[in-house]
């Protein structure tokens, strides 16, 4: 059964915990561009997702398209799955696990991180 927009919105607000400014700064870093599934010089799925998240965050809730709602649901699903895998035991701050999550708008070092994932 698919989720309601209310459920997607609640999960989005809980799991996408980076501000647009934080995410924009992050996406400009070498670390952000160093992780993910990309061939050659192509942009990774996660980096692309970060750019889409910025557009969604710049859109009023009532003006979100069906495609944006679908992407929001994809983002929250990714964050939940990635958090459920658990991060590294040492140096989470500089891990590819964290970098990947941050490309999807979630910094596990903020708040309670992935503890509820």
PDB file of N, CA and C in Angstrom:
ATOM      1  N   UNK A   1       0.851  -1.180   0.000  1.00  0.00           N
ATOM      2  CA  UNK A   1       0.000   0.000   0.000  1.00  0.00           C
ATOM      3  C   UNK A   1       0.900   1.248   0.000  1.00  0.00           C
ATOM      4  N   UNK A   2       0.524   2.216  -0.781  1.00  0.00           N
ATOM      5  CA  UNK A   2       1.344   3.422  -0.867  1.00  0.00           C
ATOM      6  C   UNK A   2       1.055   4.361   0.306  1.00  0.00           C
ATOM      7  N   UNK A   3       2.011   5.218   0.563  1.00  0.00           N
ATOM      8  CA  UNK A   3       1.882   6.164   1.673  1.00  0.00           C
ATOM      9  C   UNK A   3       1.054   7.366   1.245  1.00  0.00           C
ATOM     10  N   UNK A   4       0.416   7.968   2.214  1.00  0.00           N
ATOM     11  CA  UNK A   4      -0.299   9.217   1.955  1.00  0.00           C
ATOM     12  C   UNK A   4       0.702  10.352   1.887  1.00  0.00           C
ATOM     13  N   UNK A   5       0.292  11.450   1.308  1.00  0.00           N
ATOM     14  CA  UNK A   5       1.174  12.614   1.267  1.00  0.00           C
ATOM     15  C   UNK A   5       1.464  13.117   2.679  1.00  0.00           C
ATOM     16  N   UNK A   6       0.522  12.952   3.581  1.00  0.00           N
ATOM     17  CA  UNK A   6       0.758  13.335   4.971  1.00  0.00           C
ATOM     18  C   UNK A   6       1.881  12.523   5.593  1.00  0.00           C
ATOM     19  N   UNK A   7       1.892  11.224   5.331  1.00  0.00           N
ATOM     20  CA  UNK A   7       2.959  10.363   5.844  1.00  0.00           C
ATOM     21  C   UNK A   7       4.305  10.730   5.224  1.00  0.00           C
ATOM     22  N   UNK A   8       4.293  10.956   3.909  1.00  0.00           N
ATOM     23  CA  UNK A   8       5.539  11.330   3.232  1.00  0.00           C
ATOM     24  C   UNK A   8       6.062  12.643   3.807  1.00  0.00           C
ATOM     25  N   UNK A   9       5.174  13.610   3.993  1.00  0.00           N
ATOM     26  CA  UNK A   9       5.573  14.922   4.517  1.00  0.00           C
ATOM     27  C   UNK A   9       6.190  14.791   5.914  1.00  0.00           C
ATOM     28  N   UNK A  10       5.546  14.009   6.776  1.00  0.00           N
ATOM     29  CA  UNK A  10       6.053  13.833   8.139  1.00  0.00           C
ATOM     30  C   UNK A  10       7.438  13.175   8.137  1.00  0.00           C
ATOM     31  N   UNK A  11       7.608  12.133   7.327  1.00  0.00           N
ATOM     32  CA  UNK A  11       8.905  11.456   7.251  1.00  0.00           C
ATOM     33  C   UNK A  11       9.954  12.392   6.657  1.00  0.00           C
ATOM     34  N   UNK A  12       9.581  13.134   5.640  1.00  0.00           N
ATOM     35  CA  UNK A  12      10.498  14.090   4.998  1.00  0.00           C
ATOM     36  C   UNK A  12      10.992  15.107   6.013  1.00  0.00           C
ATOM     37  N   UNK A  13      10.081  15.677   6.770  1.00  0.00           N
ATOM     38  CA  UNK A  13      10.466  16.708   7.743  1.00  0.00           C
ATOM     39  C   UNK A  13      11.343  16.135   8.849  1.00  0.00           C
ATOM     40  N   UNK A  14      11.142  14.871   9.173  1.00  0.00           N
ATOM     41  CA  UNK A  14      11.949  14.226  10.212  1.00  0.00           C
ATOM     42  C   UNK A  14      13.333  13.815   9.697  1.00  0.00           C
ATOM     43  N   UNK A  15      13.387  13.264   8.495  1.00  0.00           N
ATOM     44  CA  UNK A  15      14.614  12.636   8.015  1.00  0.00           C
ATOM     45  C   UNK A  15      15.521  13.545   7.191  1.00  0.00           C
ATOM     46  N   UNK A  16      14.957  14.497   6.484  1.00  0.00           N
ATOM     47  CA  UNK A  16      15.784  15.428   5.702  1.00  0.00           C
ATOM     48  C   UNK A  16      16.107  16.584   6.646  1.00  0.00           C
ATOM     49  N   UNK A  17      17.204  16.409   7.381  1.00  0.00           N
ATOM     50  CA  UNK A  17      17.503  17.319   8.494  1.00  0.00           C
ATOM     51  C   UNK A  17      18.555  18.379   8.168  1.00  0.00           C
ATOM     52  N   UNK A  18      18.954  18.470   6.925  1.00  0.00           N
ATOM     53  CA  UNK A  18      19.907  19.510   6.534  1.00  0.00           C
ATOM     54  C   UNK A  18      19.142  20.700   5.954  1.00  0.00           C
ATOM     55  N   UNK A  19      19.568  21.885   6.307  1.00  0.00           N
ATOM     56  CA  UNK A  19      18.952  23.087   5.751  1.00  0.00           C
ATOM     57  C   UNK A  19      19.399  23.237   4.301  1.00  0.00           C
ATOM     58  N   UNK A  20      18.664  24.004   3.510  1.00  0.00           N
ATOM     59  CA  UNK A  20      19.111  24.228   2.136  1.00  0.00           C
ATOM     60  C   UNK A  20      20.539  24.775   2.064  1.00  0.00           C
ATOM     61  N   UNK A  21      20.875  25.692   2.935  1.00  0.00           N
ATOM     62  CA  UNK A  21      22.226  26.273   2.919  1.00  0.00           C
ATOM     63  C   UNK A  21      23.273  25.207   3.235  1.00  0.00           C
ATOM     64  N   UNK A  22      23.013  24.364   4.248  1.00  0.00           N
ATOM     65  CA  UNK A  22      23.948  23.291   4.594  1.00  0.00           C
ATOM     66  C   UNK A  22      24.111  22.315   3.438  1.00  0.00           C
ATOM     67  N   UNK A  23      22.989  21.939   2.843  1.00  0.00           N
ATOM     68  CA  UNK A  23      23.031  20.972   1.747  1.00  0.00           C
ATOM     69  C   UNK A  23      23.734  21.565   0.526  1.00  0.00           C
ATOM     70  N   UNK A  24      23.456  22.794   0.209  1.00  0.00           N
ATOM     71  CA  UNK A  24      24.101  23.443  -0.929  1.00  0.00           C
ATOM     72  C   UNK A  24      25.620  23.506  -0.737  1.00  0.00           C
ATOM     73  N   UNK A  25      26.032  23.906   0.458  1.00  0.00           N
ATOM     74  CA  UNK A  25      27.473  23.937   0.767  1.00  0.00           C
ATOM     75  C   UNK A  25      28.075  22.549   0.649  1.00  0.00           C
ATOM     76  N   UNK A  26      27.380  21.556   1.198  1.00  0.00           N
ATOM     77  CA  UNK A  26      27.868  20.183   1.175  1.00  0.00           C
ATOM     78  C   UNK A  26      28.047  19.682  -0.258  1.00  0.00           C
ATOM     79  N   UNK A  27      27.068  19.931  -1.109  1.00  0.00           N
ATOM     80  CA  UNK A  27      27.119  19.421  -2.478  1.00  0.00           C
ATOM     81  C   UNK A  27      28.289  19.985  -3.277  1.00  0.00           C
ATOM     82  N   UNK A  28      28.827  21.113  -2.831  1.00  0.00           N
ATOM     83  CA  UNK A  28      29.978  21.727  -3.507  1.00  0.00           C
ATOM     84  C   UNK A  28      31.317  21.130  -3.082  1.00  0.00           C
ATOM     85  N   UNK A  29      31.315  20.225  -2.109  1.00  0.00           N
ATOM     86  CA  UNK A  29      32.570  19.678  -1.602  1.00  0.00           C
ATOM     87  C   UNK A  29      33.044  18.479  -2.422  1.00  0.00           C
ATOM     88  N   UNK A  30      34.350  18.247  -2.343  1.00  0.00           N
ATOM     89  CA  UNK A  30      34.926  17.059  -2.991  1.00  0.00           C
ATOM     90  C   UNK A  30      34.380  15.788  -2.352  1.00  0.00           C
ATOM     91  N   UNK A  31      34.171  15.818  -1.043  1.00  0.00           N
ATOM     92  CA  UNK A  31      33.666  14.640  -0.339  1.00  0.00           C
ATOM     93  C   UNK A  31      32.291  14.242  -0.871  1.00  0.00           C
ATOM     94  N   UNK A  32      31.432  15.227  -1.084  1.00  0.00           N
ATOM     95  CA  UNK A  32      30.100  14.949  -1.605  1.00  0.00           C
ATOM     96  C   UNK A  32      30.173  14.284  -2.970  1.00  0.00           C
ATOM     97  N   UNK A  33      31.067  14.775  -3.783  1.00  0.00           N
ATOM     98  CA  UNK A  33      31.176  14.272  -5.150  1.00  0.00           C
ATOM     99  C   UNK A  33      31.984  12.986  -5.247  1.00  0.00           C
ATOM    100  N   UNK A  34      32.598  12.563  -4.125  1.00  0.00           N
ATOM    101  CA  UNK A  34      33.453  11.374  -4.141  1.00  0.00           C
ATOM    102  C   UNK A  34      32.694  10.083  -3.860  1.00  0.00           C
ATOM    103  N   UNK A  35      31.436  10.178  -3.435  1.00  0.00           N
ATOM    104  CA  UNK A  35      30.679   8.970  -3.078  1.00  0.00           C
ATOM    105  C   UNK A  35      29.511   8.762  -4.041  1.00  0.00           C
ATOM    106  N   UNK A  36      29.078   7.527  -4.105  1.00  0.00           N
ATOM    107  CA  UNK A  36      27.884   7.221  -4.885  1.00  0.00           C
ATOM    108  C   UNK A  36      28.195   6.418  -6.129  1.00  0.00           C
ATOM    109  N   UNK A  37      27.140   6.111  -6.834  1.00  0.00           N
ATOM    110  CA  UNK A  37      27.228   5.262  -8.021  1.00  0.00           C
ATOM    111  C   UNK A  37      27.231   6.131  -9.282  1.00  0.00           C
ATOM    112  N   UNK A  38      28.408   6.406  -9.779  1.00  0.00           N
ATOM    113  CA  UNK A  38      28.539   7.182 -11.005  1.00  0.00           C
ATOM    114  C   UNK A  38      29.635   6.573 -11.863  1.00  0.00           C
ATOM    115  N   UNK A  39      29.446   6.668 -13.165  1.00  0.00           N
ATOM    116  CA  UNK A  39      30.462   6.170 -14.091  1.00  0.00           C
ATOM    117  C   UNK A  39      31.237   7.351 -14.639  1.00  0.00           C
ATOM    118  N   UNK A  40      32.541   7.276 -14.558  1.00  0.00           N
ATOM    119  CA  UNK A  40      33.389   8.339 -15.089  1.00  0.00           C
ATOM    120  C   UNK A  40      33.123   9.664 -14.398  1.00  0.00           C
ATOM    121  N   UNK A  41      32.868  10.683 -15.203  1.00  0.00           N
ATOM    122  CA  UNK A  41      32.629  12.015 -14.667  1.00  0.00           C
ATOM    123  C   UNK A  41      31.146  12.291 -14.435  1.00  0.00           C
ATOM    124  N   UNK A  42      30.306  11.290 -14.601  1.00  0.00           N
ATOM    125  CA  UNK A  42      28.866  11.474 -14.421  1.00  0.00           C
ATOM    126  C   UNK A  42      28.541  11.765 -12.958  1.00  0.00           C
ATOM    127  N   UNK A  43      27.448  12.460 -12.751  1.00  0.00           N
ATOM    128  CA  UNK A  43      27.003  12.778 -11.398  1.00  0.00           C
ATOM    129  C   UNK A  43      26.382  11.541 -10.754  1.00  0.00           C
ATOM    130  N   UNK A  44      26.698  11.312  -9.488  1.00  0.00           N
ATOM    131  CA  UNK A  44      26.127  10.158  -8.780  1.00  0.00           C
ATOM    132  C   UNK A  44      24.644  10.392  -8.507  1.00  0.00           C
ATOM    133  N   UNK A  45      23.938   9.309  -8.270  1.00  0.00           N
ATOM    134  CA  UNK A  45      22.511   9.394  -7.955  1.00  0.00           C
ATOM    135  C   UNK A  45      22.282  10.229  -6.705  1.00  0.00           C
ATOM    136  N   UNK A  46      23.123  10.040  -5.696  1.00  0.00           N
ATOM    137  CA  UNK A  46      22.974  10.790  -4.449  1.00  0.00           C
ATOM    138  C   UNK A  46      23.199  12.276  -4.637  1.00  0.00           C
ATOM    139  N   UNK A  47      24.199  12.639  -5.420  1.00  0.00           N
ATOM    140  CA  UNK A  47      24.473  14.060  -5.662  1.00  0.00           C
ATOM    141  C   UNK A  47      23.317  14.689  -6.424  1.00  0.00           C
ATOM    142  N   UNK A  48      22.812  13.978  -7.415  1.00  0.00           N
ATOM    143  CA  UNK A  48      21.638  14.423  -8.161  1.00  0.00           C
ATOM    144  C   UNK A  48      20.448  14.591  -7.217  1.00  0.00           C
ATOM    145  N   UNK A  49      20.294  13.642  -6.311  1.00  0.00           N
ATOM    146  CA  UNK A  49      19.212  13.713  -5.338  1.00  0.00           C
ATOM    147  C   UNK A  49      19.327  14.972  -4.491  1.00  0.00           C
ATOM    148  N   UNK A  50      20.531  15.293  -4.064  1.00  0.00           N
ATOM    149  CA  UNK A  50      20.732  16.502  -3.270  1.00  0.00           C
ATOM    150  C   UNK A  50      20.272  17.745  -3.998  1.00  0.00           C
ATOM    151  N   UNK A  51      20.566  17.817  -5.296  1.00  0.00           N
ATOM    152  CA  UNK A  51      20.115  18.977  -6.084  1.00  0.00           C
ATOM    153  C   UNK A  51      18.594  19.004  -6.190  1.00  0.00           C
ATOM    154  N   UNK A  52      17.981  17.833  -6.332  1.00  0.00           N
ATOM    155  CA  UNK A  52      16.508  17.778  -6.386  1.00  0.00           C
ATOM    156  C   UNK A  52      15.895  18.169  -5.037  1.00  0.00           C
ATOM    157  N   UNK A  53      16.534  17.756  -3.960  1.00  0.00           N
ATOM    158  CA  UNK A  53      16.049  18.110  -2.623  1.00  0.00           C
ATOM    159  C   UNK A  53      16.049  19.624  -2.456  1.00  0.00           C
ATOM    160  N   UNK A  54      17.093  20.287  -2.937  1.00  0.00           N
ATOM    161  CA  UNK A  54      17.144  21.752  -2.844  1.00  0.00           C
ATOM    162  C   UNK A  54      15.954  22.390  -3.558  1.00  0.00           C
ATOM    163  N   UNK A  55      15.609  21.872  -4.723  1.00  0.00           N
ATOM    164  CA  UNK A  55      14.452  22.414  -5.461  1.00  0.00           C
ATOM    165  C   UNK A  55      13.160  22.163  -4.696  1.00  0.00           C
ATOM    166  N   UNK A  56      13.037  20.981  -4.108  1.00  0.00           N
ATOM    167  CA  UNK A  56      11.829  20.660  -3.343  1.00  0.00           C
ATOM    168  C   UNK A  56      11.719  21.577  -2.134  1.00  0.00           C
ATOM    169  N   UNK A  57      12.833  21.788  -1.438  1.00  0.00           N
ATOM    170  CA  UNK A  57      12.813  22.647  -0.256  1.00  0.00           C
ATOM    171  C   UNK A  57      12.504  24.097  -0.621  1.00  0.00           C
ATOM    172  N   UNK A  58      12.699  24.459  -1.876  1.00  0.00           N
ATOM    173  CA  UNK A  58      12.417  25.808  -2.344  1.00  0.00           C
ATOM    174  C   UNK A  58      10.998  25.930  -2.912  1.00  0.00           C
ATOM    175  N   UNK A  59      10.216  24.865  -2.789  1.00  0.00           N
ATOM    176  CA  UNK A  59       8.864  24.832  -3.319  1.00  0.00           C
ATOM    177  C   UNK A  59       7.864  24.779  -2.162  1.00  0.00           C
ATOM    178  N   UNK A  60       6.836  25.567  -2.259  1.00  0.00           N
ATOM    179  CA  UNK A  60       5.779  25.513  -1.234  1.00  0.00           C
ATOM    180  C   UNK A  60       5.111  24.143  -1.262  1.00  0.00           C
ATOM    181  N   UNK A  61       4.726  23.660  -0.107  1.00  0.00           N
ATOM    182  CA  UNK A  61       4.103  22.340  -0.004  1.00  0.00           C
ATOM    183  C   UNK A  61       2.920  22.197  -0.959  1.00  0.00           C
ATOM    184  N   UNK A  62       2.073  23.212  -1.031  1.00  0.00           N
ATOM    185  CA  UNK A  62       0.891  23.145  -1.896  1.00  0.00           C
ATOM    186  C   UNK A  62       1.232  23.154  -3.384  1.00  0.00           C
ATOM    187  N   UNK A  63       2.459  23.535  -3.723  1.00  0.00           N
ATOM    188  CA  UNK A  63       2.868  23.619  -5.126  1.00  0.00           C
ATOM    189  C   UNK A  63       3.728  22.441  -5.574  1.00  0.00           C
ATOM    190  N   UNK A  64       3.954  21.471  -4.682  1.00  0.00           N
ATOM    191  CA  UNK A  64       4.775  20.314  -5.047  1.00  0.00           C
ATOM    192  C   UNK A  64       4.075  19.479  -6.121  1.00  0.00           C
ATOM    193  N   UNK A  65       4.852  19.048  -7.106  1.00  0.00           N
ATOM    194  CA  UNK A  65       4.311  18.211  -8.183  1.00  0.00           C
ATOM    195  C   UNK A  65       4.245  16.751  -7.724  1.00  0.00           C
ATOM    196  N   UNK A  66       3.508  15.942  -8.483  1.00  0.00           N
ATOM    197  CA  UNK A  66       3.452  14.509  -8.182  1.00  0.00           C
ATOM    198  C   UNK A  66       4.853  13.904  -8.219  1.00  0.00           C
ATOM    199  N   UNK A  67       5.664  14.332  -9.185  1.00  0.00           N
ATOM    200  CA  UNK A  67       7.031  13.842  -9.310  1.00  0.00           C
ATOM    201  C   UNK A  67       7.854  14.201  -8.071  1.00  0.00           C
ATOM    202  N   UNK A  68       7.656  15.395  -7.537  1.00  0.00           N
ATOM    203  CA  UNK A  68       8.383  15.793  -6.324  1.00  0.00           C
ATOM    204  C   UNK A  68       7.932  14.976  -5.124  1.00  0.00           C
ATOM    205  N   UNK A  69       6.648  14.714  -5.009  1.00  0.00           N
ATOM    206  CA  UNK A  69       6.162  13.861  -3.916  1.00  0.00           C
ATOM    207  C   UNK A  69       6.782  12.465  -4.018  1.00  0.00           C
ATOM    208  N   UNK A  70       6.842  11.950  -5.240  1.00  0.00           N
ATOM    209  CA  UNK A  70       7.452  10.626  -5.452  1.00  0.00           C
ATOM    210  C   UNK A  70       8.921  10.643  -5.046  1.00  0.00           C
ATOM    211  N   UNK A  71       9.631  11.734  -5.400  1.00  0.00           N
ATOM    212  CA  UNK A  71      11.048  11.821  -5.045  1.00  0.00           C
ATOM    213  C   UNK A  71      11.214  11.924  -3.530  1.00  0.00           C
ATOM    214  N   UNK A  72      10.369  12.689  -2.880  1.00  0.00           N
ATOM    215  CA  UNK A  72      10.429  12.808  -1.419  1.00  0.00           C
ATOM    216  C   UNK A  72      10.281  11.432  -0.778  1.00  0.00           C
ATOM    217  N   UNK A  73       9.369  10.630  -1.293  1.00  0.00           N
ATOM    218  CA  UNK A  73       9.161   9.280  -0.777  1.00  0.00           C
ATOM    219  C   UNK A  73      10.401   8.424  -1.018  1.00  0.00           C
ATOM    220  N   UNK A  74      11.021   8.580  -2.182  1.00  0.00           N
ATOM    221  CA  UNK A  74      12.248   7.841  -2.489  1.00  0.00           C
ATOM    222  C   UNK A  74      13.369   8.245  -1.528  1.00  0.00           C
ATOM    223  N   UNK A  75      13.490   9.539  -1.271  1.00  0.00           N
ATOM    224  CA  UNK A  75      14.531  10.048  -0.369  1.00  0.00           C
ATOM    225  C   UNK A  75      14.362   9.467   1.021  1.00  0.00           C
ATOM    226  N   UNK A  76      13.158   9.517   1.559  1.00  0.00           N
ATOM    227  CA  UNK A  76      12.952   9.014   2.922  1.00  0.00           C
ATOM    228  C   UNK A  76      13.188   7.506   2.989  1.00  0.00           C
ATOM    229  N   UNK A  77      12.820   6.794   1.954  1.00  0.00           N
ATOM    230  CA  UNK A  77      13.081   5.362   1.915  1.00  0.00           C
ATOM    231  C   UNK A  77      14.571   5.065   1.914  1.00  0.00           C
ATOM    232  N   UNK A  78      15.319   5.829   1.126  1.00  0.00           N
ATOM    233  CA  UNK A  78      16.766   5.651   1.073  1.00  0.00           C
ATOM    234  C   UNK A  78      17.390   5.922   2.441  1.00  0.00           C
ATOM    235  N   UNK A  79      17.004   7.039   3.047  1.00  0.00           N
ATOM    236  CA  UNK A  79      17.584   7.405   4.350  1.00  0.00           C
ATOM    237  C   UNK A  79      17.280   6.320   5.386  1.00  0.00           C
ATOM    238  N   UNK A  80      16.053   5.837   5.413  1.00  0.00           N
ATOM    239  CA  UNK A  80      15.696   4.784   6.379  1.00  0.00           C
ATOM    240  C   UNK A  80      16.522   3.518   6.158  1.00  0.00           C
ATOM    241  N   UNK A  81      16.648   3.089   4.908  1.00  0.00           N
ATOM    242  CA  UNK A  81      17.420   1.868   4.608  1.00  0.00           C
ATOM    243  C   UNK A  81      18.889   2.049   4.968  1.00  0.00           C
ATOM    244  N   UNK A  82      19.438   3.187   4.603  1.00  0.00           N
ATOM    245  CA  UNK A  82      20.853   3.444   4.862  1.00  0.00           C
ATOM    246  C   UNK A  82      21.127   3.512   6.369  1.00  0.00           C
ATOM    247  N   UNK A  83      20.224   4.140   7.102  1.00  0.00           N
ATOM    248  CA  UNK A  83      20.374   4.224   8.559  1.00  0.00           C
ATOM    249  C   UNK A  83      20.252   2.839   9.194  1.00  0.00           C
ATOM    250  N   UNK A  84      19.350   2.026   8.680  1.00  0.00           N
ATOM    251  CA  UNK A  84      19.147   0.691   9.237  1.00  0.00           C
ATOM    252  C   UNK A  84      20.395  -0.181   9.071  1.00  0.00           C
ATOM    253  N   UNK A  85      21.189   0.098   8.042  1.00  0.00           N
ATOM    254  CA  UNK A  85      22.428  -0.660   7.839  1.00  0.00           C
ATOM    255  C   UNK A  85      23.448  -0.358   8.929  1.00  0.00           C
ATOM    256  N   UNK A  86      23.304   0.798   9.542  1.00  0.00           N
ATOM    257  CA  UNK A  86      24.253   1.197  10.572  1.00  0.00           C
ATOM    258  C   UNK A  86      25.523   1.763   9.960  1.00  0.00           C
ATOM    259  N   UNK A  87      26.109   2.643  10.682  1.00  0.00           N
ATOM    260  CA  UNK A  87      27.336   3.285  10.208  1.00  0.00           C
ATOM    261  C   UNK A  87      28.563   2.594  10.758  1.00  0.00           C
ATOM    262  N   UNK A  88      29.707   3.134  10.415  1.00  0.00           N
ATOM    263  CA  UNK A  88      30.962   2.563  10.907  1.00  0.00           C
ATOM    264  C   UNK A  88      31.100   2.771  12.413  1.00  0.00           C
ATOM    265  N   UNK A  89      31.850   1.925  13.028  1.00  0.00           N
ATOM    266  CA  UNK A  89      32.075   2.019  14.477  1.00  0.00           C
ATOM    267  C   UNK A  89      33.011   3.179  14.816  1.00  0.00           C
ATOM    268  N   UNK A  90      33.947   3.467  13.908  1.00  0.00           N
ATOM    269  CA  UNK A  90      34.938   4.523  14.134  1.00  0.00           C
ATOM    270  C   UNK A  90      34.817   5.606  13.073  1.00  0.00           C
ATOM    271  N   UNK A  91      35.071   6.827  13.469  1.00  0.00           N
ATOM    272  CA  UNK A  91      35.148   7.977  12.572  1.00  0.00           C
ATOM    273  C   UNK A  91      33.938   8.118  11.645  1.00  0.00           C
ATOM    274  N   UNK A  92      32.763   8.137  12.230  1.00  0.00           N
ATOM    275  CA  UNK A  92      31.533   8.334  11.460  1.00  0.00           C
ATOM    276  C   UNK A  92      31.591   9.656  10.698  1.00  0.00           C
ATOM    277  N   UNK A  93      32.167  10.672  11.334  1.00  0.00           N
ATOM    278  CA  UNK A  93      32.192  12.011  10.736  1.00  0.00           C
ATOM    279  C   UNK A  93      32.824  12.029   9.348  1.00  0.00           C
ATOM    280  N   UNK A  94      33.859  11.235   9.135  1.00  0.00           N
ATOM    281  CA  UNK A  94      34.574  11.247   7.865  1.00  0.00           C
ATOM    282  C   UNK A  94      34.325   9.978   7.048  1.00  0.00           C
ATOM    283  N   UNK A  95      33.200   9.344   7.251  1.00  0.00           N
ATOM    284  CA  UNK A  95      32.911   8.079   6.573  1.00  0.00           C
ATOM    285  C   UNK A  95      32.118   8.290   5.277  1.00  0.00           C
ATOM    286  N   UNK A  96      32.320   7.379   4.345  1.00  0.00           N
ATOM    287  CA  UNK A  96      31.531   7.431   3.110  1.00  0.00           C
ATOM    288  C   UNK A  96      30.051   7.183   3.417  1.00  0.00           C
ATOM    289  N   UNK A  97      29.762   6.445   4.484  1.00  0.00           N
ATOM    290  CA  UNK A  97      28.382   6.206   4.916  1.00  0.00           C
ATOM    291  C   UNK A  97      27.698   7.542   5.213  1.00  0.00           C
ATOM    292  N   UNK A  98      28.343   8.380   5.998  1.00  0.00           N
ATOM    293  CA  UNK A  98      27.780   9.701   6.321  1.00  0.00           C
ATOM    294  C   UNK A  98      27.711  10.572   5.074  1.00  0.00           C
ATOM    295  N   UNK A  99      28.762  10.570   4.289  1.00  0.00           N
ATOM    296  CA  UNK A  99      28.790  11.401   3.082  1.00  0.00           C
ATOM    297  C   UNK A  99      27.626  11.057   2.163  1.00  0.00           C
ATOM    298  N   UNK A 100      27.373   9.771   2.004  1.00  0.00           N
ATOM    299  CA  UNK A 100      26.275   9.334   1.150  1.00  0.00           C
ATOM    300  C   UNK A 100      24.927   9.823   1.693  1.00  0.00           C
ATOM    301  N   UNK A 101      24.724   9.649   2.987  1.00  0.00           N
ATOM    302  CA  UNK A 101      23.477  10.123   3.603  1.00  0.00           C
ATOM    303  C   UNK A 101      23.315  11.631   3.431  1.00  0.00           C
ATOM    304  N   UNK A 102      24.395  12.361   3.575  1.00  0.00           N
ATOM    305  CA  UNK A 102      24.308  13.812   3.446  1.00  0.00           C
ATOM    306  C   UNK A 102      23.931  14.228   2.028  1.00  0.00           C
ATOM    307  N   UNK A 103      24.354  13.481   1.020  1.00  0.00           N
ATOM    308  CA  UNK A 103      23.924  13.771  -0.344  1.00  0.00           C
ATOM    309  C   UNK A 103      22.408  13.645  -0.477  1.00  0.00           C
ATOM    310  N   UNK A 104      21.809  12.830   0.386  1.00  0.00           N
ATOM    311  CA  UNK A 104      20.363  12.629   0.380  1.00  0.00           C
ATOM    312  C   UNK A 104      19.677  13.510   1.431  1.00  0.00           C
ATOM    313  N   UNK A 105      20.411  14.495   1.959  1.00  0.00           N
ATOM    314  CA  UNK A 105      19.810  15.493   2.847  1.00  0.00           C
ATOM    315  C   UNK A 105      19.766  15.143   4.314  1.00  0.00           C
ATOM    316  N   UNK A 106      20.413  14.057   4.706  1.00  0.00           N
ATOM    317  CA  UNK A 106      20.377  13.623   6.107  1.00  0.00           C
ATOM    318  C   UNK A 106      21.795  13.560   6.674  1.00  0.00           C
ATOM    319  N   UNK A 107      22.047  14.360   7.695  1.00  0.00           N
ATOM    320  CA  UNK A 107      23.332  14.285   8.400  1.00  0.00           C
ATOM    321  C   UNK A 107      23.125  13.475   9.674  1.00  0.00           C
ATOM    322  N   UNK A 108      23.694  12.267   9.740  1.00  0.00           N
ATOM    323  CA  UNK A 108      23.469  11.411  10.906  1.00  0.00           C
ATOM    324  C   UNK A 108      24.090  11.953  12.194  1.00  0.00           C
ATOM    325  N   UNK A 109      24.937  12.973  12.091  1.00  0.00           N
ATOM    326  CA  UNK A 109      25.528  13.547  13.297  1.00  0.00           C
ATOM    327  C   UNK A 109      24.627  14.616  13.934  1.00  0.00           C
ATOM    328  N   UNK A 110      23.595  15.024  13.236  1.00  0.00           N
ATOM    329  CA  UNK A 110      22.672  16.021  13.769  1.00  0.00           C
ATOM    330  C   UNK A 110      21.591  15.323  14.608  1.00  0.00           C
ATOM    331  N   UNK A 111      21.137  15.993  15.610  1.00  0.00           N
ATOM    332  CA  UNK A 111      20.060  15.474  16.461  1.00  0.00           C
ATOM    333  C   UNK A 111      20.389  14.070  16.936  1.00  0.00           C
ATOM    334  N   UNK A 112      19.447  13.142  16.742  1.00  0.00           N
ATOM    335  CA  UNK A 112      19.706  11.768  17.189  1.00  0.00           C
ATOM    336  C   UNK A 112      20.130  10.884  16.016  1.00  0.00           C
ATOM    337  N   UNK A 113      20.486  11.532  14.918  1.00  0.00           N
ATOM    338  CA  UNK A 113      21.022  10.781  13.787  1.00  0.00           C
ATOM    339  C   UNK A 113      20.100   9.706  13.281  1.00  0.00           C
ATOM    340  N   UNK A 114      20.622   8.532  13.112  1.00  0.00           N
ATOM    341  CA  UNK A 114      19.872   7.420  12.551  1.00  0.00           C
ATOM    342  C   UNK A 114      19.308   6.499  13.617  1.00  0.00           C
ATOM    343  N   UNK A 115      19.288   6.924  14.826  1.00  0.00           N
ATOM    344  CA  UNK A 115      18.839   6.036  15.901  1.00  0.00           C
ATOM    345  C   UNK A 115      17.405   5.563  15.700  1.00  0.00           C
ATOM    346  N   UNK A 116      16.582   6.418  15.055  1.00  0.00           N
ATOM    347  CA  UNK A 116      15.191   6.030  14.832  1.00  0.00           C
ATOM    348  C   UNK A 116      14.977   5.413  13.466  1.00  0.00           C
ATOM    349  N   UNK A 117      16.069   5.349  12.641  1.00  0.00           N
ATOM    350  CA  UNK A 117      15.938   4.850  11.272  1.00  0.00           C
ATOM    351  C   UNK A 117      15.637   3.429  11.275  1.00  0.00           C
TER     352      UNK A 117
END
